[in-house]
ModelCIF file with pLDDT and N, C-alpha, C, O atoms, coordinates in Angstrom:
data_MODEL
#
_entry.id   MODEL 
#
_entity.id                         1 
_entity.type                       polymer 
_entity.pdbx_number_of_molecules   1 
#
_entity_poly.entity_id                      1 
_entity_poly.type                           'polypeptide(L)' 
_entity_poly.nstd_linkage                   no 
_entity_poly.nstd_monomer                   no 
_entity_poly.pdbx_seq_one_letter_code       TMKDLEYYLSGLAKKEGLRSPFPFRLEGKATAAEYHVIQPLAVSKA 
_entity_poly.pdbx_seq_one_letter_code_can   TMKDLEYYLSGLAKKEGLRSPFPFRLEGKATAAEYHVIQPLAVSKA 
_entity_poly.pdbx_strand_id                 A 
#
loop_
_entity_poly_seq.entity_id 
_entity_poly_seq.num 
_entity_poly_seq.mon_id 
_entity_poly_seq.hetero 
1 1  THR n 
1 2  MET n 
1 3  LYS n 
1 4  ASP n 
1 5  LEU n 
1 6  GLU n 
1 7  TYR n 
1 8  TYR n 
1 9  LEU n 
1 10 SER n 
1 11 GLY n 
1 12 LEU n 
1 13 ALA n 
1 14 LYS n 
1 15 LYS n 
1 16 GLU n 
1 17 GLY n 
1 18 LEU n 
1 19 ARG n 
1 20 SER n 
1 21 PRO n 
1 22 PHE n 
1 23 PRO n 
1 24 PHE n 
1 25 ARG n 
1 26 LEU n 
1 27 GLU n 
1 28 GLY n 
1 29 LYS n 
1 30 ALA n 
1 31 THR n 
1 32 ALA n 
1 33 ALA n 
1 34 GLU n 
1 35 TYR n 
1 36 HIS n 
1 37 VAL n 
1 38 ILE n 
1 39 GLN n 
1 40 PRO n 
1 41 LEU n 
1 42 ALA n 
1 43 VAL n 
1 44 SER n 
1 45 LYS n 
1 46 ALA n 
#
_struct_asym.id          A 
_struct_asym.entity_id   1 
#
loop_
_ma_qa_metric.id 
_ma_qa_metric.mode 
_ma_qa_metric.name 
_ma_qa_metric.software_group_id 
_ma_qa_metric.type 
1 global pLDDT . pLDDT 
2 local  pLDDT . pLDDT 
#
_ma_qa_metric_global.metric_id      1 
_ma_qa_metric_global.metric_value   90.30 
_ma_qa_metric_global.model_id       1 
_ma_qa_metric_global.ordinal_id     1 
#
loop_
_ma_qa_metric_local.label_asym_id 
_ma_qa_metric_local.label_comp_id 
_ma_qa_metric_local.label_seq_id 
_ma_qa_metric_local.metric_id 
_ma_qa_metric_local.metric_value 
_ma_qa_metric_local.model_id 
_ma_qa_metric_local.ordinal_id 
A THR 1  2 98.00 1 1  
A MET 2  2 97.00 1 2  
A LYS 3  2 97.00 1 3  
A ASP 4  2 98.00 1 4  
A LEU 5  2 98.00 1 5  
A GLU 6  2 98.00 1 6  
A TYR 7  2 97.00 1 7  
A TYR 8  2 97.00 1 8  
A LEU 9  2 97.00 1 9  
A SER 10 2 96.00 1 10 
A GLY 11 2 95.00 1 11 
A LEU 12 2 94.00 1 12 
A ALA 13 2 93.00 1 13 
A LYS 14 2 94.00 1 14 
A LYS 15 2 92.00 1 15 
A GLU 16 2 89.00 1 16 
A GLY 17 2 90.00 1 17 
A LEU 18 2 92.00 1 18 
A ARG 19 2 93.00 1 19 
A SER 20 2 94.00 1 20 
A PRO 21 2 97.00 1 21 
A PHE 22 2 97.00 1 22 
A PRO 23 2 98.00 1 23 
A PHE 24 2 98.00 1 24 
A ARG 25 2 98.00 1 25 
A LEU 26 2 98.00 1 26 
A GLU 27 2 98.00 1 27 
A GLY 28 2 98.00 1 28 
A LYS 29 2 98.00 1 29 
A ALA 30 2 98.00 1 30 
A THR 31 2 98.00 1 31 
A ALA 32 2 98.00 1 32 
A ALA 33 2 98.00 1 33 
A GLU 34 2 98.00 1 34 
A TYR 35 2 97.00 1 35 
A HIS 36 2 96.00 1 36 
A VAL 37 2 97.00 1 37 
A ILE 38 2 94.00 1 38 
A GLN 39 2 87.00 1 39 
A PRO 40 2 76.00 1 40 
A LEU 41 2 65.00 1 41 
A ALA 42 2 51.00 1 42 
A VAL 43 2 52.00 1 43 
A SER 44 2 55.00 1 44 
A LYS 45 2 58.00 1 45 
A ALA 46 2 57.00 1 46 
#
loop_
_atom_site.group_PDB 
_atom_site.id 
_atom_site.type_symbol 
_atom_site.label_atom_id 
_atom_site.label_alt_id 
_atom_site.label_comp_id 
_atom_site.label_asym_id 
_atom_site.label_entity_id 
_atom_site.label_seq_id 
_atom_site.pdbx_PDB_ins_code 
_atom_site.Cartn_x 
_atom_site.Cartn_y 
_atom_site.Cartn_z 
_atom_site.occupancy 
_atom_site.B_iso_or_equiv 
_atom_site.pdbx_formal_charge 
_atom_site.auth_seq_id 
_atom_site.auth_comp_id 
_atom_site.auth_asym_id 
_atom_site.auth_atom_id 
_atom_site.pdbx_PDB_model_num 
ATOM 1   N N  . THR A 1 1  ? 285.802 93.080  124.127 1.00 98.00 ? 1  THR A N  1 
ATOM 2   C CA . THR A 1 1  ? 284.791 93.741  123.234 1.00 98.00 ? 1  THR A CA 1 
ATOM 3   C C  . THR A 1 1  ? 284.857 93.536  122.038 1.00 98.00 ? 1  THR A C  1 
ATOM 4   O O  . THR A 1 1  ? 285.893 92.989  121.661 1.00 98.00 ? 1  THR A O  1 
ATOM 5   N N  . MET A 1 2  ? 283.702 93.917  120.878 1.00 97.00 ? 2  MET A N  1 
ATOM 6   C CA . MET A 1 2  ? 283.904 93.721  119.571 1.00 97.00 ? 2  MET A CA 1 
ATOM 7   C C  . MET A 1 2  ? 284.922 94.313  119.264 1.00 97.00 ? 2  MET A C  1 
ATOM 8   O O  . MET A 1 2  ? 285.558 93.590  118.497 1.00 97.00 ? 2  MET A O  1 
ATOM 9   N N  . LYS A 1 3  ? 285.502 95.377  119.472 1.00 97.00 ? 3  LYS A N  1 
ATOM 10  C CA . LYS A 1 3  ? 286.880 96.694  119.138 1.00 97.00 ? 3  LYS A CA 1 
ATOM 11  C C  . LYS A 1 3  ? 287.817 95.547  119.358 1.00 97.00 ? 3  LYS A C  1 
ATOM 12  O O  . LYS A 1 3  ? 288.416 95.145  118.361 1.00 97.00 ? 3  LYS A O  1 
ATOM 13  N N  . ASP A 1 4  ? 287.987 95.099  120.230 1.00 98.00 ? 4  ASP A N  1 
ATOM 14  C CA . ASP A 1 4  ? 289.437 94.207  120.981 1.00 98.00 ? 4  ASP A CA 1 
ATOM 15  C C  . ASP A 1 4  ? 289.337 92.905  120.114 1.00 98.00 ? 4  ASP A C  1 
ATOM 16  O O  . ASP A 1 4  ? 290.411 92.358  119.864 1.00 98.00 ? 4  ASP A O  1 
ATOM 17  N N  . LEU A 1 5  ? 288.463 92.468  119.736 1.00 98.00 ? 5  LEU A N  1 
ATOM 18  C CA . LEU A 1 5  ? 288.215 91.187  119.085 1.00 98.00 ? 5  LEU A CA 1 
ATOM 19  C C  . LEU A 1 5  ? 288.850 91.471  117.607 1.00 98.00 ? 5  LEU A C  1 
ATOM 20  O O  . LEU A 1 5  ? 289.763 90.802  117.123 1.00 98.00 ? 5  LEU A O  1 
ATOM 21  N N  . GLU A 1 6  ? 288.139 92.705  116.901 1.00 98.00 ? 6  GLU A N  1 
ATOM 22  C CA . GLU A 1 6  ? 288.779 93.129  115.732 1.00 98.00 ? 6  GLU A CA 1 
ATOM 23  C C  . GLU A 1 6  ? 290.261 93.467  115.733 1.00 98.00 ? 6  GLU A C  1 
ATOM 24  O O  . GLU A 1 6  ? 290.981 93.096  114.806 1.00 98.00 ? 6  GLU A O  1 
ATOM 25  N N  . TYR A 1 7  ? 290.626 94.014  116.538 1.00 97.00 ? 7  TYR A N  1 
ATOM 26  C CA . TYR A 1 7  ? 292.111 94.422  116.210 1.00 97.00 ? 7  TYR A CA 1 
ATOM 27  C C  . TYR A 1 7  ? 292.757 93.043  116.657 1.00 97.00 ? 7  TYR A C  1 
ATOM 28  O O  . TYR A 1 7  ? 293.642 92.614  115.916 1.00 97.00 ? 7  TYR A O  1 
ATOM 29  N N  . TYR A 1 8  ? 292.437 92.327  117.733 1.00 97.00 ? 8  TYR A N  1 
ATOM 30  C CA . TYR A 1 8  ? 293.331 90.952  117.460 1.00 97.00 ? 8  TYR A CA 1 
ATOM 31  C C  . TYR A 1 8  ? 293.167 90.071  116.421 1.00 97.00 ? 8  TYR A C  1 
ATOM 32  O O  . TYR A 1 8  ? 294.041 89.253  116.134 1.00 97.00 ? 8  TYR A O  1 
ATOM 33  N N  . LEU A 1 9  ? 292.102 90.167  115.817 1.00 97.00 ? 9  LEU A N  1 
ATOM 34  C CA . LEU A 1 9  ? 292.002 89.344  114.527 1.00 97.00 ? 9  LEU A CA 1 
ATOM 35  C C  . LEU A 1 9  ? 292.926 89.940  113.311 1.00 97.00 ? 9  LEU A C  1 
ATOM 36  O O  . LEU A 1 9  ? 293.564 89.239  112.526 1.00 97.00 ? 9  LEU A O  1 
ATOM 37  N N  . SER A 1 10 ? 292.884 91.069  113.310 1.00 96.00 ? 10 SER A N  1 
ATOM 38  C CA . SER A 1 10 ? 293.657 91.809  112.360 1.00 96.00 ? 10 SER A CA 1 
ATOM 39  C C  . SER A 1 10 ? 294.906 91.261  112.861 1.00 96.00 ? 10 SER A C  1 
ATOM 40  O O  . SER A 1 10 ? 295.369 90.335  112.194 1.00 96.00 ? 10 SER A O  1 
ATOM 41  N N  . GLY A 1 11 ? 295.528 91.617  113.853 1.00 95.00 ? 11 GLY A N  1 
ATOM 42  C CA . GLY A 1 11 ? 297.070 91.093  113.784 1.00 95.00 ? 11 GLY A CA 1 
ATOM 43  C C  . GLY A 1 11 ? 297.287 89.669  113.986 1.00 95.00 ? 11 GLY A C  1 
ATOM 44  O O  . GLY A 1 11 ? 298.420 89.203  114.109 1.00 95.00 ? 11 GLY A O  1 
ATOM 45  N N  . LEU A 1 12 ? 296.134 88.906  114.026 1.00 94.00 ? 12 LEU A N  1 
ATOM 46  C CA . LEU A 1 12 ? 296.825 87.656  113.855 1.00 94.00 ? 12 LEU A CA 1 
ATOM 47  C C  . LEU A 1 12 ? 296.513 87.193  112.496 1.00 94.00 ? 12 LEU A C  1 
ATOM 48  O O  . LEU A 1 12 ? 297.199 86.252  112.095 1.00 94.00 ? 12 LEU A O  1 
ATOM 49  N N  . ALA A 1 13 ? 295.507 87.722  111.611 1.00 93.00 ? 13 ALA A N  1 
ATOM 50  C CA . ALA A 1 13 ? 295.659 87.584  110.202 1.00 93.00 ? 13 ALA A CA 1 
ATOM 51  C C  . ALA A 1 13 ? 297.344 88.191  109.796 1.00 93.00 ? 13 ALA A C  1 
ATOM 52  O O  . ALA A 1 13 ? 298.139 87.610  109.056 1.00 93.00 ? 13 ALA A O  1 
ATOM 53  N N  . LYS A 1 14 ? 297.478 88.964  110.222 1.00 94.00 ? 14 LYS A N  1 
ATOM 54  C CA . LYS A 1 14 ? 298.903 89.608  109.565 1.00 94.00 ? 14 LYS A CA 1 
ATOM 55  C C  . LYS A 1 14 ? 300.171 88.425  109.944 1.00 94.00 ? 14 LYS A C  1 
ATOM 56  O O  . LYS A 1 14 ? 300.992 87.959  109.155 1.00 94.00 ? 14 LYS A O  1 
ATOM 57  N N  . LYS A 1 15 ? 300.047 88.186  111.119 1.00 92.00 ? 15 LYS A N  1 
ATOM 58  C CA . LYS A 1 15 ? 301.240 87.350  111.673 1.00 92.00 ? 15 LYS A CA 1 
ATOM 59  C C  . LYS A 1 15 ? 301.350 86.433  110.832 1.00 92.00 ? 15 LYS A C  1 
ATOM 60  O O  . LYS A 1 15 ? 302.343 86.130  110.170 1.00 92.00 ? 15 LYS A O  1 
ATOM 61  N N  . GLU A 1 16 ? 299.765 85.717  110.849 1.00 89.00 ? 16 GLU A N  1 
ATOM 62  C CA . GLU A 1 16 ? 300.064 84.138  110.314 1.00 89.00 ? 16 GLU A CA 1 
ATOM 63  C C  . GLU A 1 16 ? 299.939 84.417  108.612 1.00 89.00 ? 16 GLU A C  1 
ATOM 64  O O  . GLU A 1 16 ? 300.335 83.483  107.916 1.00 89.00 ? 16 GLU A O  1 
ATOM 65  N N  . GLY A 1 17 ? 299.541 85.344  108.070 1.00 90.00 ? 17 GLY A N  1 
ATOM 66  C CA . GLY A 1 17 ? 299.344 85.417  106.594 1.00 90.00 ? 17 GLY A CA 1 
ATOM 67  C C  . GLY A 1 17 ? 298.232 84.625  106.055 1.00 90.00 ? 17 GLY A C  1 
ATOM 68  O O  . GLY A 1 17 ? 298.087 83.850  105.110 1.00 90.00 ? 17 GLY A O  1 
ATOM 69  N N  . LEU A 1 18 ? 297.300 85.225  107.251 1.00 92.00 ? 18 LEU A N  1 
ATOM 70  C CA . LEU A 1 18 ? 295.652 84.759  106.599 1.00 92.00 ? 18 LEU A CA 1 
ATOM 71  C C  . LEU A 1 18 ? 294.903 85.780  105.989 1.00 92.00 ? 18 LEU A C  1 
ATOM 72  O O  . LEU A 1 18 ? 294.766 86.919  106.438 1.00 92.00 ? 18 LEU A O  1 
ATOM 73  N N  . ARG A 1 19 ? 294.441 85.350  104.991 1.00 93.00 ? 19 ARG A N  1 
ATOM 74  C CA . ARG A 1 19 ? 293.511 86.476  103.892 1.00 93.00 ? 19 ARG A CA 1 
ATOM 75  C C  . ARG A 1 19 ? 292.412 86.770  104.146 1.00 93.00 ? 19 ARG A C  1 
ATOM 76  O O  . ARG A 1 19 ? 291.544 85.919  103.948 1.00 93.00 ? 19 ARG A O  1 
ATOM 77  N N  . SER A 1 20 ? 292.050 88.031  104.657 1.00 94.00 ? 20 SER A N  1 
ATOM 78  C CA . SER A 1 20 ? 290.592 88.714  104.614 1.00 94.00 ? 20 SER A CA 1 
ATOM 79  C C  . SER A 1 20 ? 289.706 88.528  102.943 1.00 94.00 ? 20 SER A C  1 
ATOM 80  O O  . SER A 1 20 ? 290.150 88.778  101.822 1.00 94.00 ? 20 SER A O  1 
ATOM 81  N N  . PRO A 1 21 ? 288.469 88.052  103.308 1.00 97.00 ? 21 PRO A N  1 
ATOM 82  C CA . PRO A 1 21 ? 287.834 87.609  104.625 1.00 97.00 ? 21 PRO A CA 1 
ATOM 83  C C  . PRO A 1 21 ? 287.972 86.144  105.089 1.00 97.00 ? 21 PRO A C  1 
ATOM 84  O O  . PRO A 1 21 ? 288.387 85.302  104.292 1.00 97.00 ? 21 PRO A O  1 
ATOM 85  N N  . PHE A 1 22 ? 287.636 85.812  106.357 1.00 97.00 ? 22 PHE A N  1 
ATOM 86  C CA . PHE A 1 22 ? 287.838 84.426  106.696 1.00 97.00 ? 22 PHE A CA 1 
ATOM 87  C C  . PHE A 1 22 ? 287.086 84.530  107.902 1.00 97.00 ? 22 PHE A C  1 
ATOM 88  O O  . PHE A 1 22 ? 287.006 85.571  108.553 1.00 97.00 ? 22 PHE A O  1 
ATOM 89  N N  . PRO A 1 23 ? 286.408 83.203  108.269 1.00 98.00 ? 23 PRO A N  1 
ATOM 90  C CA . PRO A 1 23 ? 285.631 82.761  109.093 1.00 98.00 ? 23 PRO A CA 1 
ATOM 91  C C  . PRO A 1 23 ? 286.108 82.884  110.463 1.00 98.00 ? 23 PRO A C  1 
ATOM 92  O O  . PRO A 1 23 ? 287.298 83.134  110.653 1.00 98.00 ? 23 PRO A O  1 
ATOM 93  N N  . PHE A 1 24 ? 285.257 82.726  111.494 1.00 98.00 ? 24 PHE A N  1 
ATOM 94  C CA . PHE A 1 24 ? 286.098 82.476  112.831 1.00 98.00 ? 24 PHE A CA 1 
ATOM 95  C C  . PHE A 1 24 ? 284.809 82.287  113.911 1.00 98.00 ? 24 PHE A C  1 
ATOM 96  O O  . PHE A 1 24 ? 283.854 83.063  113.924 1.00 98.00 ? 24 PHE A O  1 
ATOM 97  N N  . ARG A 1 25 ? 284.924 81.299  114.679 1.00 98.00 ? 25 ARG A N  1 
ATOM 98  C CA . ARG A 1 25 ? 283.941 80.982  115.947 1.00 98.00 ? 25 ARG A CA 1 
ATOM 99  C C  . ARG A 1 25 ? 284.745 81.389  117.066 1.00 98.00 ? 25 ARG A C  1 
ATOM 100 O O  . ARG A 1 25 ? 285.958 81.596  117.041 1.00 98.00 ? 25 ARG A O  1 
ATOM 101 N N  . LEU A 1 26 ? 283.706 81.521  118.384 1.00 98.00 ? 26 LEU A N  1 
ATOM 102 C CA . LEU A 1 26 ? 283.680 81.689  119.533 1.00 98.00 ? 26 LEU A CA 1 
ATOM 103 C C  . LEU A 1 26 ? 282.969 80.828  120.282 1.00 98.00 ? 26 LEU A C  1 
ATOM 104 O O  . LEU A 1 26 ? 281.852 80.554  119.844 1.00 98.00 ? 26 LEU A O  1 
ATOM 105 N N  . GLU A 1 27 ? 283.355 80.251  121.438 1.00 98.00 ? 27 GLU A N  1 
ATOM 106 C CA . GLU A 1 27 ? 282.981 79.224  122.461 1.00 98.00 ? 27 GLU A CA 1 
ATOM 107 C C  . GLU A 1 27 ? 283.227 79.959  123.731 1.00 98.00 ? 27 GLU A C  1 
ATOM 108 O O  . GLU A 1 27 ? 284.309 80.542  123.807 1.00 98.00 ? 27 GLU A O  1 
ATOM 109 N N  . GLY A 1 28 ? 282.381 80.036  124.780 1.00 98.00 ? 28 GLY A N  1 
ATOM 110 C CA . GLY A 1 28 ? 282.681 80.456  126.022 1.00 98.00 ? 28 GLY A CA 1 
ATOM 111 C C  . GLY A 1 28 ? 281.662 81.255  126.616 1.00 98.00 ? 28 GLY A C  1 
ATOM 112 O O  . GLY A 1 28 ? 280.613 81.587  126.064 1.00 98.00 ? 28 GLY A O  1 
ATOM 113 N N  . LYS A 1 29 ? 282.033 81.552  127.800 1.00 98.00 ? 29 LYS A N  1 
ATOM 114 C CA . LYS A 1 29 ? 280.937 82.797  128.436 1.00 98.00 ? 29 LYS A CA 1 
ATOM 115 C C  . LYS A 1 29 ? 281.036 84.297  128.517 1.00 98.00 ? 29 LYS A C  1 
ATOM 116 O O  . LYS A 1 29 ? 282.063 84.904  128.820 1.00 98.00 ? 29 LYS A O  1 
ATOM 117 N N  . ALA A 1 30 ? 280.015 84.772  128.255 1.00 98.00 ? 30 ALA A N  1 
ATOM 118 C CA . ALA A 1 30 ? 279.708 85.795  127.901 1.00 98.00 ? 30 ALA A CA 1 
ATOM 119 C C  . ALA A 1 30 ? 279.033 86.789  129.088 1.00 98.00 ? 30 ALA A C  1 
ATOM 120 O O  . ALA A 1 30 ? 277.928 86.495  129.544 1.00 98.00 ? 30 ALA A O  1 
ATOM 121 N N  . THR A 1 31 ? 279.801 88.052  129.590 1.00 98.00 ? 31 THR A N  1 
ATOM 122 C CA . THR A 1 31 ? 279.253 88.493  130.431 1.00 98.00 ? 31 THR A CA 1 
ATOM 123 C C  . THR A 1 31 ? 277.857 89.222  129.844 1.00 98.00 ? 31 THR A C  1 
ATOM 124 O O  . THR A 1 31 ? 276.813 89.283  130.494 1.00 98.00 ? 31 THR A O  1 
ATOM 125 N N  . ALA A 1 32 ? 277.979 89.585  128.937 1.00 98.00 ? 32 ALA A N  1 
ATOM 126 C CA . ALA A 1 32 ? 276.728 90.312  128.111 1.00 98.00 ? 32 ALA A CA 1 
ATOM 127 C C  . ALA A 1 32 ? 276.803 90.214  126.594 1.00 98.00 ? 32 ALA A C  1 
ATOM 128 O O  . ALA A 1 32 ? 277.596 90.963  126.023 1.00 98.00 ? 32 ALA A O  1 
ATOM 129 N N  . ALA A 1 33 ? 276.161 89.485  125.975 1.00 98.00 ? 33 ALA A N  1 
ATOM 130 C CA . ALA A 1 33 ? 276.098 89.675  124.124 1.00 98.00 ? 33 ALA A CA 1 
ATOM 131 C C  . ALA A 1 33 ? 274.777 90.080  124.123 1.00 98.00 ? 33 ALA A C  1 
ATOM 132 O O  . ALA A 1 33 ? 273.802 89.514  124.616 1.00 98.00 ? 33 ALA A O  1 
ATOM 133 N N  . GLU A 1 34 ? 274.857 91.178  123.483 1.00 98.00 ? 34 GLU A N  1 
ATOM 134 C CA . GLU A 1 34 ? 273.807 91.918  122.782 1.00 98.00 ? 34 GLU A CA 1 
ATOM 135 C C  . GLU A 1 34 ? 273.446 91.852  121.374 1.00 98.00 ? 34 GLU A C  1 
ATOM 136 O O  . GLU A 1 34 ? 274.106 92.381  120.480 1.00 98.00 ? 34 GLU A O  1 
ATOM 137 N N  . TYR A 1 35 ? 272.302 91.137  121.193 1.00 97.00 ? 35 TYR A N  1 
ATOM 138 C CA . TYR A 1 35 ? 271.514 90.841  119.871 1.00 97.00 ? 35 TYR A CA 1 
ATOM 139 C C  . TYR A 1 35 ? 270.507 91.420  119.304 1.00 97.00 ? 35 TYR A C  1 
ATOM 140 O O  . TYR A 1 35 ? 269.787 91.974  120.135 1.00 97.00 ? 35 TYR A O  1 
ATOM 141 N N  . HIS A 1 36 ? 270.139 91.527  118.185 1.00 96.00 ? 36 HIS A N  1 
ATOM 142 C CA . HIS A 1 36 ? 268.891 91.992  117.435 1.00 96.00 ? 36 HIS A CA 1 
ATOM 143 C C  . HIS A 1 36 ? 268.402 90.971  116.556 1.00 96.00 ? 36 HIS A C  1 
ATOM 144 O O  . HIS A 1 36 ? 269.182 90.412  115.784 1.00 96.00 ? 36 HIS A O  1 
ATOM 145 N N  . VAL A 1 37 ? 267.068 90.647  116.603 1.00 97.00 ? 37 VAL A N  1 
ATOM 146 C CA . VAL A 1 37 ? 266.644 89.846  115.268 1.00 97.00 ? 37 VAL A CA 1 
ATOM 147 C C  . VAL A 1 37 ? 265.873 90.741  114.635 1.00 97.00 ? 37 VAL A C  1 
ATOM 148 O O  . VAL A 1 37 ? 265.070 91.478  115.206 1.00 97.00 ? 37 VAL A O  1 
ATOM 149 N N  . ILE A 1 38 ? 266.038 90.718  113.707 1.00 94.00 ? 38 ILE A N  1 
ATOM 150 C CA . ILE A 1 38 ? 265.669 92.129  112.288 1.00 94.00 ? 38 ILE A CA 1 
ATOM 151 C C  . ILE A 1 38 ? 263.749 91.580  111.941 1.00 94.00 ? 38 ILE A C  1 
ATOM 152 O O  . ILE A 1 38 ? 263.342 90.425  111.818 1.00 94.00 ? 38 ILE A O  1 
ATOM 153 N N  . GLN A 1 39 ? 263.162 92.512  111.889 1.00 87.00 ? 39 GLN A N  1 
ATOM 154 C CA . GLN A 1 39 ? 261.743 92.476  111.362 1.00 87.00 ? 39 GLN A CA 1 
ATOM 155 C C  . GLN A 1 39 ? 261.691 93.559  110.331 1.00 87.00 ? 39 GLN A C  1 
ATOM 156 O O  . GLN A 1 39 ? 262.393 94.571  110.316 1.00 87.00 ? 39 GLN A O  1 
ATOM 157 N N  . PRO A 1 40 ? 260.904 93.265  109.598 1.00 76.00 ? 40 PRO A N  1 
ATOM 158 C CA . PRO A 1 40 ? 260.078 94.213  108.180 1.00 76.00 ? 40 PRO A CA 1 
ATOM 159 C C  . PRO A 1 40 ? 259.644 95.261  109.134 1.00 76.00 ? 40 PRO A C  1 
ATOM 160 O O  . PRO A 1 40 ? 259.062 95.164  110.215 1.00 76.00 ? 40 PRO A O  1 
ATOM 161 N N  . LEU A 1 41 ? 260.202 96.598  108.263 1.00 65.00 ? 41 LEU A N  1 
ATOM 162 C CA . LEU A 1 41 ? 259.313 97.819  108.620 1.00 65.00 ? 41 LEU A CA 1 
ATOM 163 C C  . LEU A 1 41 ? 258.587 98.156  107.655 1.00 65.00 ? 41 LEU A C  1 
ATOM 164 O O  . LEU A 1 41 ? 258.652 97.711  106.509 1.00 65.00 ? 41 LEU A O  1 
ATOM 165 N N  . ALA A 1 42 ? 257.628 99.217  108.200 1.00 51.00 ? 42 ALA A N  1 
ATOM 166 C CA . ALA A 1 42 ? 256.553 99.900  107.268 1.00 51.00 ? 42 ALA A CA 1 
ATOM 167 C C  . ALA A 1 42 ? 256.831 100.484 106.164 1.00 51.00 ? 42 ALA A C  1 
ATOM 168 O O  . ALA A 1 42 ? 256.246 100.347 105.090 1.00 51.00 ? 42 ALA A O  1 
ATOM 169 N N  . VAL A 1 43 ? 257.944 101.305 106.467 1.00 52.00 ? 43 VAL A N  1 
ATOM 170 C CA . VAL A 1 43 ? 258.753 102.365 105.658 1.00 52.00 ? 43 VAL A CA 1 
ATOM 171 C C  . VAL A 1 43 ? 259.525 101.864 104.547 1.00 52.00 ? 43 VAL A C  1 
ATOM 172 O O  . VAL A 1 43 ? 260.408 101.062 104.849 1.00 52.00 ? 43 VAL A O  1 
ATOM 173 N N  . SER A 1 44 ? 259.379 102.179 103.241 1.00 55.00 ? 44 SER A N  1 
ATOM 174 C CA . SER A 1 44 ? 260.336 101.374 102.326 1.00 55.00 ? 44 SER A CA 1 
ATOM 175 C C  . SER A 1 44 ? 261.924 101.770 102.159 1.00 55.00 ? 44 SER A C  1 
ATOM 176 O O  . SER A 1 44 ? 262.457 101.246 101.180 1.00 55.00 ? 44 SER A O  1 
ATOM 177 N N  . LYS A 1 45 ? 262.708 102.565 102.919 1.00 58.00 ? 45 LYS A N  1 
ATOM 178 C CA . LYS A 1 45 ? 263.908 102.565 103.042 1.00 58.00 ? 45 LYS A CA 1 
ATOM 179 C C  . LYS A 1 45 ? 264.026 103.034 104.516 1.00 58.00 ? 45 LYS A C  1 
ATOM 180 O O  . LYS A 1 45 ? 263.128 103.651 105.090 1.00 58.00 ? 45 LYS A O  1 
ATOM 181 N N  . ALA A 1 46 ? 265.362 102.644 105.152 1.00 57.00 ? 46 ALA A N  1 
ATOM 182 C CA . ALA A 1 46 ? 265.273 102.897 106.509 1.00 57.00 ? 46 ALA A CA 1 
ATOM 183 C C  . ALA A 1 46 ? 267.138 102.472 106.858 1.00 57.00 ? 46 ALA A C  1 
ATOM 184 O O  . ALA A 1 46 ? 267.585 102.550 108.003 1.00 57.00 ? 46 ALA A O  1 
#
């Protein structure tokens, strides 16, 4: 999950002395990757 990945990256950064922020990439099969594509709303604040 995303939370698993966040914990993992935190530990890896500490172990390797990698400073935040940093980029990463993932490649592989996902059972499910939920996403959204934003679009404008009529209201001024949301």
